[in-house]
Amino acid sequence: MIQRSLVAIMVSLVGLAGLLKINYNIAHLYEMSGEKTREVFGLVELGFIYKYSIGVFGFLAIILSVMAFRSGEKKQWVNIAVVISVITFLATFVKIWKVMV
């Protein structure tokens, strides 16, 4: 039987990898832009609005973690899955690219 907690961990890690790639692209675009573009970079960042769809990965992983908890899987894996999935979901709404600049 497939452990839902491990699937939740994998889904979360895929989401985090996607977020890191998107935020890297935003940071690279910011570094390459001129001073005037940086003043209104919020408008440029709207081109990357699809990054918020990564939150679905975190939400799905949270659901899988709850299902794993209810089915009685090992608490250690369920706790790890919950923590990583919540981090993935919350990181979707944080501007990580500002730290990369």
PDB file of N, CA and C in Angstrom:
ATOM      1  N   MET A   1       0.842  -1.192   0.000  1.00  0.00           N
ATOM      2  CA  MET A   1       0.000   0.000   0.000  1.00  0.00           C
ATOM      3  C   MET A   1       0.883   1.250   0.000  1.00  0.00           C
ATOM      4  N   ILE A   2       0.513   2.207  -0.782  1.00  0.00           N
ATOM      5  CA  ILE A   2       1.270   3.452  -0.886  1.00  0.00           C
ATOM      6  C   ILE A   2       1.014   4.292   0.365  1.00  0.00           C
ATOM      7  N   GLN A   3       2.093   4.788   0.937  1.00  0.00           N
ATOM      8  CA  GLN A   3       1.947   5.638   2.114  1.00  0.00           C
ATOM      9  C   GLN A   3       1.642   7.057   1.661  1.00  0.00           C
ATOM     10  N   ARG A   4       0.531   7.542   2.139  1.00  0.00           N
ATOM     11  CA  ARG A   4       0.103   8.892   1.746  1.00  0.00           C
ATOM     12  C   ARG A   4       1.052   9.964   2.262  1.00  0.00           C
ATOM     13  N   SER A   5       1.657   9.714   3.408  1.00  0.00           N
ATOM     14  CA  SER A   5       2.574  10.711   3.958  1.00  0.00           C
ATOM     15  C   SER A   5       3.792  10.889   3.053  1.00  0.00           C
ATOM     16  N   LEU A   6       4.299   9.802   2.488  1.00  0.00           N
ATOM     17  CA  LEU A   6       5.442   9.922   1.584  1.00  0.00           C
ATOM     18  C   LEU A   6       5.047  10.605   0.279  1.00  0.00           C
ATOM     19  N   VAL A   7       3.837  10.327  -0.192  1.00  0.00           N
ATOM     20  CA  VAL A   7       3.345  11.010  -1.383  1.00  0.00           C
ATOM     21  C   VAL A   7       3.195  12.504  -1.096  1.00  0.00           C
ATOM     22  N   ALA A   8       2.704  12.839   0.088  1.00  0.00           N
ATOM     23  CA  ALA A   8       2.556  14.243   0.476  1.00  0.00           C
ATOM     24  C   ALA A   8       3.915  14.933   0.524  1.00  0.00           C
ATOM     25  N   ILE A   9       4.920  14.248   1.029  1.00  0.00           N
ATOM     26  CA  ILE A   9       6.266  14.818   1.082  1.00  0.00           C
ATOM     27  C   ILE A   9       6.787  15.065  -0.325  1.00  0.00           C
ATOM     28  N   MET A  10       6.591  14.109  -1.216  1.00  0.00           N
ATOM     29  CA  MET A  10       7.060  14.265  -2.592  1.00  0.00           C
ATOM     30  C   MET A  10       6.326  15.400  -3.307  1.00  0.00           C
ATOM     31  N   VAL A  11       5.021  15.497  -3.110  1.00  0.00           N
ATOM     32  CA  VAL A  11       4.245  16.580  -3.735  1.00  0.00           C
ATOM     33  C   VAL A  11       4.733  17.935  -3.214  1.00  0.00           C
ATOM     34  N   SER A  12       4.998  18.007  -1.927  1.00  0.00           N
ATOM     35  CA  SER A  12       5.487  19.256  -1.337  1.00  0.00           C
ATOM     36  C   SER A  12       6.855  19.634  -1.891  1.00  0.00           C
ATOM     37  N   LEU A  13       7.726  18.649  -2.018  1.00  0.00           N
ATOM     38  CA  LEU A  13       9.064  18.934  -2.535  1.00  0.00           C
ATOM     39  C   LEU A  13       9.027  19.365  -3.995  1.00  0.00           C
ATOM     40  N   VAL A  14       8.133  18.787  -4.777  1.00  0.00           N
ATOM     41  CA  VAL A  14       7.969  19.222  -6.164  1.00  0.00           C
ATOM     42  C   VAL A  14       7.481  20.672  -6.195  1.00  0.00           C
ATOM     43  N   GLY A  15       6.534  20.997  -5.320  1.00  0.00           N
ATOM     44  CA  GLY A  15       6.044  22.369  -5.235  1.00  0.00           C
ATOM     45  C   GLY A  15       7.131  23.344  -4.825  1.00  0.00           C
ATOM     46  N   LEU A  16       7.945  22.950  -3.840  1.00  0.00           N
ATOM     47  CA  LEU A  16       9.043  23.816  -3.407  1.00  0.00           C
ATOM     48  C   LEU A  16      10.071  24.020  -4.513  1.00  0.00           C
ATOM     49  N   ALA A  17      10.360  22.962  -5.256  1.00  0.00           N
ATOM     50  CA  ALA A  17      11.311  23.090  -6.367  1.00  0.00           C
ATOM     51  C   ALA A  17      10.769  24.043  -7.423  1.00  0.00           C
ATOM     52  N   GLY A  18       9.482  23.942  -7.715  1.00  0.00           N
ATOM     53  CA  GLY A  18       8.865  24.860  -8.670  1.00  0.00           C
ATOM     54  C   GLY A  18       8.912  26.296  -8.188  1.00  0.00           C
ATOM     55  N   LEU A  19       8.639  26.487  -6.907  1.00  0.00           N
ATOM     56  CA  LEU A  19       8.693  27.841  -6.336  1.00  0.00           C
ATOM     57  C   LEU A  19      10.094  28.419  -6.405  1.00  0.00           C
ATOM     58  N   LEU A  20      11.081  27.603  -6.094  1.00  0.00           N
ATOM     59  CA  LEU A  20      12.453  28.093  -6.153  1.00  0.00           C
ATOM     60  C   LEU A  20      12.846  28.480  -7.571  1.00  0.00           C
ATOM     61  N   LYS A  21      12.428  27.696  -8.546  1.00  0.00           N
ATOM     62  CA  LYS A  21      12.739  28.009  -9.946  1.00  0.00           C
ATOM     63  C   LYS A  21      12.077  29.308 -10.388  1.00  0.00           C
ATOM     64  N   ILE A  22      10.799  29.467 -10.057  1.00  0.00           N
ATOM     65  CA  ILE A  22      10.080  30.686 -10.437  1.00  0.00           C
ATOM     66  C   ILE A  22      10.687  31.905  -9.757  1.00  0.00           C
ATOM     67  N   ASN A  23      10.988  31.789  -8.463  1.00  0.00           N
ATOM     68  CA  ASN A  23      11.571  32.915  -7.744  1.00  0.00           C
ATOM     69  C   ASN A  23      12.978  33.225  -8.229  1.00  0.00           C
ATOM     70  N   TYR A  24      13.710  32.210  -8.643  1.00  0.00           N
ATOM     71  CA  TYR A  24      15.026  32.452  -9.236  1.00  0.00           C
ATOM     72  C   TYR A  24      14.882  33.256 -10.523  1.00  0.00           C
ATOM     73  N   ASN A  25      13.903  32.892 -11.344  1.00  0.00           N
ATOM     74  CA  ASN A  25      13.671  33.632 -12.596  1.00  0.00           C
ATOM     75  C   ASN A  25      13.291  35.086 -12.323  1.00  0.00           C
ATOM     76  N   ILE A  26      12.471  35.314 -11.306  1.00  0.00           N
ATOM     77  CA  ILE A  26      12.082  36.679 -10.954  1.00  0.00           C
ATOM     78  C   ILE A  26      13.304  37.466 -10.469  1.00  0.00           C
ATOM     79  N   ALA A  27      14.127  36.840  -9.625  1.00  0.00           N
ATOM     80  CA  ALA A  27      15.326  37.518  -9.111  1.00  0.00           C
ATOM     81  C   ALA A  27      16.298  37.841 -10.249  1.00  0.00           C
ATOM     82  N   HIS A  28      16.440  36.924 -11.182  1.00  0.00           N
ATOM     83  CA  HIS A  28      17.327  37.164 -12.321  1.00  0.00           C
ATOM     84  C   HIS A  28      16.809  38.317 -13.175  1.00  0.00           C
ATOM     85  N   LEU A  29      15.516  38.361 -13.401  1.00  0.00           N
ATOM     86  CA  LEU A  29      14.918  39.449 -14.171  1.00  0.00           C
ATOM     87  C   LEU A  29      15.100  40.782 -13.451  1.00  0.00           C
ATOM     88  N   TYR A  30      14.978  40.778 -12.129  1.00  0.00           N
ATOM     89  CA  TYR A  30      15.171  41.998 -11.348  1.00  0.00           C
ATOM     90  C   TYR A  30      16.608  42.498 -11.469  1.00  0.00           C
ATOM     91  N   GLU A  31      17.562  41.565 -11.384  1.00  0.00           N
ATOM     92  CA  GLU A  31      18.965  41.961 -11.478  1.00  0.00           C
ATOM     93  C   GLU A  31      19.311  42.516 -12.861  1.00  0.00           C
ATOM     94  N   MET A  32      18.654  42.027 -13.879  1.00  0.00           N
ATOM     95  CA  MET A  32      18.946  42.457 -15.240  1.00  0.00           C
ATOM     96  C   MET A  32      18.200  43.734 -15.618  1.00  0.00           C
ATOM     97  N   SER A  33      17.231  44.136 -14.813  1.00  0.00           N
ATOM     98  CA  SER A  33      16.432  45.312 -15.152  1.00  0.00           C
ATOM     99  C   SER A  33      17.147  46.596 -14.758  1.00  0.00           C
ATOM    100  N   GLY A  34      16.720  47.666 -15.382  1.00  0.00           N
ATOM    101  CA  GLY A  34      17.284  48.974 -15.100  1.00  0.00           C
ATOM    102  C   GLY A  34      16.626  49.623 -13.898  1.00  0.00           C
ATOM    103  N   GLU A  35      17.101  50.810 -13.564  1.00  0.00           N
ATOM    104  CA  GLU A  35      16.619  51.504 -12.377  1.00  0.00           C
ATOM    105  C   GLU A  35      15.145  51.874 -12.494  1.00  0.00           C
ATOM    106  N   LYS A  36      14.729  52.335 -13.662  1.00  0.00           N
ATOM    107  CA  LYS A  36      13.327  52.722 -13.838  1.00  0.00           C
ATOM    108  C   LYS A  36      12.403  51.511 -13.755  1.00  0.00           C
ATOM    109  N   THR A  37      12.832  50.401 -14.303  1.00  0.00           N
ATOM    110  CA  THR A  37      12.021  49.184 -14.249  1.00  0.00           C
ATOM    111  C   THR A  37      11.910  48.675 -12.820  1.00  0.00           C
ATOM    112  N   ARG A  38      12.975  48.815 -12.050  1.00  0.00           N
ATOM    113  CA  ARG A  38      12.940  48.364 -10.654  1.00  0.00           C
ATOM    114  C   ARG A  38      11.940  49.164  -9.822  1.00  0.00           C
ATOM    115  N   GLU A  39      11.724  50.416 -10.216  1.00  0.00           N
ATOM    116  CA  GLU A  39      10.764  51.245  -9.490  1.00  0.00           C
ATOM    117  C   GLU A  39       9.346  50.688  -9.580  1.00  0.00           C
ATOM    118  N   VAL A  40       9.025  50.091 -10.708  1.00  0.00           N
ATOM    119  CA  VAL A  40       7.679  49.544 -10.918  1.00  0.00           C
ATOM    120  C   VAL A  40       7.748  48.026 -11.122  1.00  0.00           C
ATOM    121  N   PHE A  41       8.663  47.373 -10.420  1.00  0.00           N
ATOM    122  CA  PHE A  41       8.865  45.946 -10.633  1.00  0.00           C
ATOM    123  C   PHE A  41       7.658  45.116 -10.198  1.00  0.00           C
ATOM    124  N   GLY A  42       6.817  45.681  -9.358  1.00  0.00           N
ATOM    125  CA  GLY A  42       5.587  44.983  -8.988  1.00  0.00           C
ATOM    126  C   GLY A  42       4.721  44.676 -10.188  1.00  0.00           C
ATOM    127  N   LEU A  43       4.729  45.583 -11.164  1.00  0.00           N
ATOM    128  CA  LEU A  43       3.976  45.343 -12.393  1.00  0.00           C
ATOM    129  C   LEU A  43       4.625  44.251 -13.239  1.00  0.00           C
ATOM    130  N   VAL A  44       5.951  44.239 -13.259  1.00  0.00           N
ATOM    131  CA  VAL A  44       6.655  43.194 -13.994  1.00  0.00           C
ATOM    132  C   VAL A  44       6.410  41.837 -13.337  1.00  0.00           C
ATOM    133  N   GLU A  45       6.360  41.858 -12.021  1.00  0.00           N
ATOM    134  CA  GLU A  45       6.147  40.616 -11.269  1.00  0.00           C
ATOM    135  C   GLU A  45       4.770  40.002 -11.543  1.00  0.00           C
ATOM    136  N   LEU A  46       3.828  40.806 -11.990  1.00  0.00           N
ATOM    137  CA  LEU A  46       2.505  40.285 -12.336  1.00  0.00           C
ATOM    138  C   LEU A  46       2.574  39.271 -13.475  1.00  0.00           C
ATOM    139  N   GLY A  47       3.620  39.328 -14.258  1.00  0.00           N
ATOM    140  CA  GLY A  47       3.823  38.338 -15.314  1.00  0.00           C
ATOM    141  C   GLY A  47       4.082  36.945 -14.766  1.00  0.00           C
ATOM    142  N   PHE A  48       4.426  36.881 -13.492  1.00  0.00           N
ATOM    143  CA  PHE A  48       4.687  35.602 -12.839  1.00  0.00           C
ATOM    144  C   PHE A  48       3.551  35.229 -11.879  1.00  0.00           C
ATOM    145  N   ILE A  49       2.355  35.683 -12.172  1.00  0.00           N
ATOM    146  CA  ILE A  49       1.213  35.438 -11.298  1.00  0.00           C
ATOM    147  C   ILE A  49       0.914  33.940 -11.172  1.00  0.00           C
ATOM    148  N   TYR A  50       1.357  33.169 -12.148  1.00  0.00           N
ATOM    149  CA  TYR A  50       1.124  31.731 -12.109  1.00  0.00           C
ATOM    150  C   TYR A  50       1.842  31.042 -10.951  1.00  0.00           C
ATOM    151  N   LYS A  51       2.764  31.746 -10.299  1.00  0.00           N
ATOM    152  CA  LYS A  51       3.463  31.134  -9.169  1.00  0.00           C
ATOM    153  C   LYS A  51       2.503  30.823  -8.022  1.00  0.00           C
ATOM    154  N   TYR A  52       1.390  31.516  -7.967  1.00  0.00           N
ATOM    155  CA  TYR A  52       0.423  31.252  -6.905  1.00  0.00           C
ATOM    156  C   TYR A  52      -0.320  29.935  -7.122  1.00  0.00           C
ATOM    157  N   SER A  53      -0.249  29.401  -8.326  1.00  0.00           N
ATOM    158  CA  SER A  53      -0.871  28.098  -8.563  1.00  0.00           C
ATOM    159  C   SER A  53      -0.083  26.971  -7.894  1.00  0.00           C
ATOM    160  N   ILE A  54       1.148  27.233  -7.515  1.00  0.00           N
ATOM    161  CA  ILE A  54       1.954  26.237  -6.808  1.00  0.00           C
ATOM    162  C   ILE A  54       1.351  25.959  -5.429  1.00  0.00           C
ATOM    163  N   GLY A  55       0.574  26.896  -4.907  1.00  0.00           N
ATOM    164  CA  GLY A  55      -0.097  26.682  -3.629  1.00  0.00           C
ATOM    165  C   GLY A  55      -0.987  25.454  -3.642  1.00  0.00           C
ATOM    166  N   VAL A  56      -1.437  25.051  -4.814  1.00  0.00           N
ATOM    167  CA  VAL A  56      -2.257  23.839  -4.940  1.00  0.00           C
ATOM    168  C   VAL A  56      -1.457  22.617  -4.501  1.00  0.00           C
ATOM    169  N   PHE A  57      -0.162  22.594  -4.814  1.00  0.00           N
ATOM    170  CA  PHE A  57       0.676  21.479  -4.382  1.00  0.00           C
ATOM    171  C   PHE A  57       0.707  21.387  -2.858  1.00  0.00           C
ATOM    172  N   GLY A  58       0.886  22.522  -2.205  1.00  0.00           N
ATOM    173  CA  GLY A  58       0.902  22.535  -0.741  1.00  0.00           C
ATOM    174  C   GLY A  58      -0.431  22.134  -0.153  1.00  0.00           C
ATOM    175  N   PHE A  59      -1.512  22.634  -0.730  1.00  0.00           N
ATOM    176  CA  PHE A  59      -2.846  22.305  -0.233  1.00  0.00           C
ATOM    177  C   PHE A  59      -3.144  20.822  -0.426  1.00  0.00           C
ATOM    178  N   LEU A  60      -2.791  20.278  -1.577  1.00  0.00           N
ATOM    179  CA  LEU A  60      -2.983  18.860  -1.837  1.00  0.00           C
ATOM    180  C   LEU A  60      -2.168  18.017  -0.859  1.00  0.00           C
ATOM    181  N   ALA A  61      -0.951  18.448  -0.583  1.00  0.00           N
ATOM    182  CA  ALA A  61      -0.098  17.715   0.354  1.00  0.00           C
ATOM    183  C   ALA A  61      -0.669  17.768   1.770  1.00  0.00           C
ATOM    184  N   ILE A  62      -1.283  18.883   2.146  1.00  0.00           N
ATOM    185  CA  ILE A  62      -1.923  18.964   3.461  1.00  0.00           C
ATOM    186  C   ILE A  62      -3.073  17.967   3.540  1.00  0.00           C
ATOM    187  N   ILE A  63      -3.869  17.890   2.492  1.00  0.00           N
ATOM    188  CA  ILE A  63      -4.982  16.938   2.460  1.00  0.00           C
ATOM    189  C   ILE A  63      -4.466  15.504   2.558  1.00  0.00           C
ATOM    190  N   LEU A  64      -3.417  15.194   1.812  1.00  0.00           N
ATOM    191  CA  LEU A  64      -2.824  13.856   1.877  1.00  0.00           C
ATOM    192  C   LEU A  64      -2.271  13.553   3.270  1.00  0.00           C
ATOM    193  N   SER A  65      -1.709  14.565   3.920  1.00  0.00           N
ATOM    194  CA  SER A  65      -1.179  14.376   5.269  1.00  0.00           C
ATOM    195  C   SER A  65      -2.294  14.065   6.264  1.00  0.00           C
ATOM    196  N   VAL A  66      -3.407  14.760   6.135  1.00  0.00           N
ATOM    197  CA  VAL A  66      -4.547  14.498   7.009  1.00  0.00           C
ATOM    198  C   VAL A  66      -5.081  13.085   6.767  1.00  0.00           C
ATOM    199  N   MET A  67      -5.150  12.694   5.508  1.00  0.00           N
ATOM    200  CA  MET A  67      -5.605  11.340   5.190  1.00  0.00           C
ATOM    201  C   MET A  67      -4.643  10.295   5.757  1.00  0.00           C
ATOM    202  N   ALA A  68      -3.351  10.580   5.715  1.00  0.00           N
ATOM    203  CA  ALA A  68      -2.348   9.662   6.271  1.00  0.00           C
ATOM    204  C   ALA A  68      -2.503   9.558   7.784  1.00  0.00           C
ATOM    205  N   PHE A  69      -2.786  10.683   8.422  1.00  0.00           N
ATOM    206  CA  PHE A  69      -2.987  10.680   9.868  1.00  0.00           C
ATOM    207  C   PHE A  69      -4.200   9.839  10.244  1.00  0.00           C
ATOM    208  N   ARG A  70      -5.270   9.994   9.484  1.00  0.00           N
ATOM    209  CA  ARG A  70      -6.497   9.243   9.763  1.00  0.00           C
ATOM    210  C   ARG A  70      -6.329   7.748   9.516  1.00  0.00           C
ATOM    211  N   SER A  71      -5.476   7.386   8.569  1.00  0.00           N
ATOM    212  CA  SER A  71      -5.292   5.964   8.278  1.00  0.00           C
ATOM    213  C   SER A  71      -4.311   5.297   9.241  1.00  0.00           C
ATOM    214  N   GLY A  72      -3.703   6.076  10.126  1.00  0.00           N
ATOM    215  CA  GLY A  72      -2.844   5.517  11.165  1.00  0.00           C
ATOM    216  C   GLY A  72      -1.412   5.251  10.737  1.00  0.00           C
ATOM    217  N   GLU A  73      -0.901   6.029   9.806  1.00  0.00           N
ATOM    218  CA  GLU A  73       0.498   5.871   9.405  1.00  0.00           C
ATOM    219  C   GLU A  73       1.416   6.360  10.518  1.00  0.00           C
ATOM    220  N   LYS A  74       2.703   6.056  10.363  1.00  0.00           N
ATOM    221  CA  LYS A  74       3.673   6.443  11.397  1.00  0.00           C
ATOM    222  C   LYS A  74       3.619   7.949  11.616  1.00  0.00           C
ATOM    223  N   LYS A  75       3.580   8.330  12.881  1.00  0.00           N
ATOM    224  CA  LYS A  75       3.458   9.756  13.217  1.00  0.00           C
ATOM    225  C   LYS A  75       4.655  10.569  12.733  1.00  0.00           C
ATOM    226  N   GLN A  76       5.817   9.964  12.756  1.00  0.00           N
ATOM    227  CA  GLN A  76       7.016  10.681  12.340  1.00  0.00           C
ATOM    228  C   GLN A  76       6.880  11.160  10.889  1.00  0.00           C
ATOM    229  N   TRP A  77       6.446  10.279   9.985  1.00  0.00           N
ATOM    230  CA  TRP A  77       6.304  10.647   8.581  1.00  0.00           C
ATOM    231  C   TRP A  77       5.155  11.618   8.374  1.00  0.00           C
ATOM    232  N   VAL A  78       4.094  11.429   9.128  1.00  0.00           N
ATOM    233  CA  VAL A  78       2.949  12.337   9.010  1.00  0.00           C
ATOM    234  C   VAL A  78       3.340  13.737   9.462  1.00  0.00           C
ATOM    235  N   ASN A  79       4.091  13.835  10.566  1.00  0.00           N
ATOM    236  CA  ASN A  79       4.518  15.149  11.056  1.00  0.00           C
ATOM    237  C   ASN A  79       5.437  15.844  10.057  1.00  0.00           C
ATOM    238  N   ILE A  80       6.366  15.084   9.470  1.00  0.00           N
ATOM    239  CA  ILE A  80       7.259  15.664   8.467  1.00  0.00           C
ATOM    240  C   ILE A  80       6.451  16.139   7.259  1.00  0.00           C
ATOM    241  N   ALA A  81       5.485  15.323   6.843  1.00  0.00           N
ATOM    242  CA  ALA A  81       4.653  15.689   5.689  1.00  0.00           C
ATOM    243  C   ALA A  81       3.855  16.954   5.967  1.00  0.00           C
ATOM    244  N   VAL A  82       3.313  17.072   7.164  1.00  0.00           N
ATOM    245  CA  VAL A  82       2.521  18.257   7.513  1.00  0.00           C
ATOM    246  C   VAL A  82       3.401  19.504   7.506  1.00  0.00           C
ATOM    247  N   VAL A  83       4.568  19.405   8.106  1.00  0.00           N
ATOM    248  CA  VAL A  83       5.455  20.572   8.185  1.00  0.00           C
ATOM    249  C   VAL A  83       5.889  21.028   6.792  1.00  0.00           C
ATOM    250  N   ILE A  84       6.320  20.091   5.963  1.00  0.00           N
ATOM    251  CA  ILE A  84       6.788  20.461   4.626  1.00  0.00           C
ATOM    252  C   ILE A  84       5.647  20.996   3.772  1.00  0.00           C
ATOM    253  N   SER A  85       4.464  20.406   3.896  1.00  0.00           N
ATOM    254  CA  SER A  85       3.340  20.884   3.080  1.00  0.00           C
ATOM    255  C   SER A  85       2.877  22.266   3.513  1.00  0.00           C
ATOM    256  N   VAL A  86       2.906  22.555   4.796  1.00  0.00           N
ATOM    257  CA  VAL A  86       2.537  23.895   5.263  1.00  0.00           C
ATOM    258  C   VAL A  86       3.578  24.916   4.804  1.00  0.00           C
ATOM    259  N   ILE A  87       4.848  24.529   4.859  1.00  0.00           N
ATOM    260  CA  ILE A  87       5.900  25.426   4.371  1.00  0.00           C
ATOM    261  C   ILE A  87       5.703  25.709   2.887  1.00  0.00           C
ATOM    262  N   THR A  88       5.382  24.676   2.117  1.00  0.00           N
ATOM    263  CA  THR A  88       5.155  24.865   0.683  1.00  0.00           C
ATOM    264  C   THR A  88       3.986  25.797   0.437  1.00  0.00           C
ATOM    265  N   PHE A  89       2.903  25.590   1.168  1.00  0.00           N
ATOM    266  CA  PHE A  89       1.721  26.426   0.969  1.00  0.00           C
ATOM    267  C   PHE A  89       1.997  27.879   1.339  1.00  0.00           C
ATOM    268  N   LEU A  90       2.651  28.102   2.472  1.00  0.00           N
ATOM    269  CA  LEU A  90       2.924  29.474   2.906  1.00  0.00           C
ATOM    270  C   LEU A  90       3.992  30.153   2.052  1.00  0.00           C
ATOM    271  N   ALA A  91       4.977  29.383   1.591  1.00  0.00           N
ATOM    272  CA  ALA A  91       6.044  29.964   0.766  1.00  0.00           C
ATOM    273  C   ALA A  91       5.523  30.460  -0.569  1.00  0.00           C
ATOM    274  N   THR A  92       4.363  29.984  -0.962  1.00  0.00           N
ATOM    275  CA  THR A  92       3.768  30.434  -2.214  1.00  0.00           C
ATOM    276  C   THR A  92       3.476  31.930  -2.171  1.00  0.00           C
ATOM    277  N   PHE A  93       3.133  32.432  -1.010  1.00  0.00           N
ATOM    278  CA  PHE A  93       2.698  33.819  -0.881  1.00  0.00           C
ATOM    279  C   PHE A  93       3.796  34.751  -0.372  1.00  0.00           C
ATOM    280  N   VAL A  94       5.006  34.230  -0.206  1.00  0.00           N
ATOM    281  CA  VAL A  94       6.140  35.030   0.245  1.00  0.00           C
ATOM    282  C   VAL A  94       7.030  35.329  -0.960  1.00  0.00           C
ATOM    283  N   LYS A  95       7.561  36.534  -1.016  1.00  0.00           N
ATOM    284  CA  LYS A  95       8.431  36.927  -2.136  1.00  0.00           C
ATOM    285  C   LYS A  95       9.863  36.483  -1.839  1.00  0.00           C
ATOM    286  N   ILE A  96      10.127  35.218  -2.102  1.00  0.00           N
ATOM    287  CA  ILE A  96      11.430  34.629  -1.825  1.00  0.00           C
ATOM    288  C   ILE A  96      12.492  35.257  -2.717  1.00  0.00           C
ATOM    289  N   TRP A  97      12.120  35.737  -3.885  1.00  0.00           N
ATOM    290  CA  TRP A  97      13.103  36.288  -4.821  1.00  0.00           C
ATOM    291  C   TRP A  97      13.828  37.494  -4.239  1.00  0.00           C
ATOM    292  N   LYS A  98      13.212  38.187  -3.293  1.00  0.00           N
ATOM    293  CA  LYS A  98      13.881  39.353  -2.698  1.00  0.00           C
ATOM    294  C   LYS A  98      15.088  38.945  -1.870  1.00  0.00           C
ATOM    295  N   VAL A  99      15.056  37.750  -1.323  1.00  0.00           N
ATOM    296  CA  VAL A  99      16.193  37.241  -0.567  1.00  0.00           C
ATOM    297  C   VAL A  99      17.305  36.813  -1.520  1.00  0.00           C
ATOM    298  N   MET A 100      16.933  36.386  -2.711  1.00  0.00           N
ATOM    299  CA  MET A 100      17.917  35.914  -3.690  1.00  0.00           C
ATOM    300  C   MET A 100      18.685  37.033  -4.358  1.00  0.00           C
ATOM    301  N   VAL A 101      18.168  38.254  -4.280  1.00  0.00           N
ATOM    302  CA  VAL A 101      18.827  39.392  -4.955  1.00  0.00           C
ATOM    303  C   VAL A 101      20.019  39.845  -4.164  1.00  0.00           C
TER     304      VAL A 101
END
